[in-house]
């Protein structure tokens, strides 16, 4: 049985934590930043956990 290749698009978007969960970046931080408050932009900078409904799919794509 050949090995499964890693989806590089998924590997670049997510980071695996020590407990096996995935971290993702938050959307809406690329452009139109002048209308967003500094508190909102600061919150968008912190990573979030991937939802459990798609966690299994993304972990399989990353080869974890």
Protein backbone atom coordinates (compact mmCIF):
# COMPACT_ATOMS: atom_id res chain seq x y z
CA UNK A 1 0.00 0.00 0.00
CA UNK A 2 1.55 3.34 -0.98
CA UNK A 3 1.84 6.18 1.49
CA UNK A 4 -0.73 8.96 1.49
CA UNK A 5 0.60 12.31 0.33
CA UNK A 6 0.14 15.41 2.48
CA UNK A 7 -2.14 18.11 1.13
CA UNK A 8 0.27 21.03 1.24
CA UNK A 9 -2.54 23.58 1.17
CA UNK A 10 -3.90 22.14 4.42
CA UNK A 11 -0.45 21.77 5.98
CA UNK A 12 0.27 25.46 5.41
CA UNK A 13 -3.04 26.60 6.94
CA UNK A 14 -3.12 24.51 10.12
CA UNK A 15 -0.77 23.74 13.00
CA UNK A 16 -1.06 20.65 15.20
CA UNK A 17 -1.14 21.18 18.96
CA UNK A 18 0.40 18.82 21.51
CA UNK A 19 -3.02 17.32 22.26
CA UNK A 20 -3.67 16.62 18.55
CA UNK A 21 -6.04 19.49 17.83
CA UNK A 22 -5.59 21.90 14.93
CA UNK A 23 -5.09 25.65 15.10
CA UNK A 24 -6.35 27.87 12.31
CA UNK A 25 -6.02 31.54 11.51
CA UNK A 26 -9.03 33.80 11.77
CA UNK A 27 -10.49 35.38 8.62
CA UNK A 28 -10.98 39.13 7.96
CA UNK A 29 -7.45 40.29 8.82
CA UNK A 30 -6.13 40.92 5.28
CA UNK A 31 -7.69 44.13 4.07
CA UNK A 32 -10.17 46.88 4.99
CA UNK A 33 -8.48 47.25 8.35
CA UNK A 34 -9.25 50.95 8.78
CA UNK A 35 -12.89 50.36 9.66
CA UNK A 36 -12.09 47.64 12.21
CA UNK A 37 -11.31 48.59 15.77
CA UNK A 38 -7.88 47.86 17.21
CA UNK A 39 -9.48 45.53 19.76
CA UNK A 40 -11.12 43.54 16.97
CA UNK A 41 -7.88 43.35 14.97
CA UNK A 42 -6.01 42.22 18.08
CA UNK A 43 -8.57 39.45 18.59
CA UNK A 44 -8.28 38.36 14.95
CA UNK A 45 -4.52 37.92 15.35
CA UNK A 46 -4.90 35.04 17.80
CA UNK A 47 -5.39 31.56 16.33
CA UNK A 48 -8.57 29.55 16.86
CA UNK A 49 -9.24 25.83 17.12
CA UNK A 50 -10.68 23.95 14.17
CA UNK A 51 -14.26 22.78 14.76
CA UNK A 52 -14.78 19.12 15.66
CA UNK A 53 -17.08 18.53 12.67
CA UNK A 54 -14.22 18.90 10.17
CA UNK A 55 -11.27 18.00 12.42
CA UNK A 56 -11.07 14.38 11.26
CA UNK A 57 -11.10 15.41 7.59
CA UNK A 58 -8.35 18.02 7.97
CA UNK A 59 -6.16 15.73 10.07
CA UNK A 60 -6.40 13.09 7.36
CA UNK A 61 -5.41 15.67 4.75
CA UNK A 62 -2.38 16.63 6.82
CA UNK A 63 -1.31 13.03 7.36
CA UNK A 64 -1.60 13.23 11.15
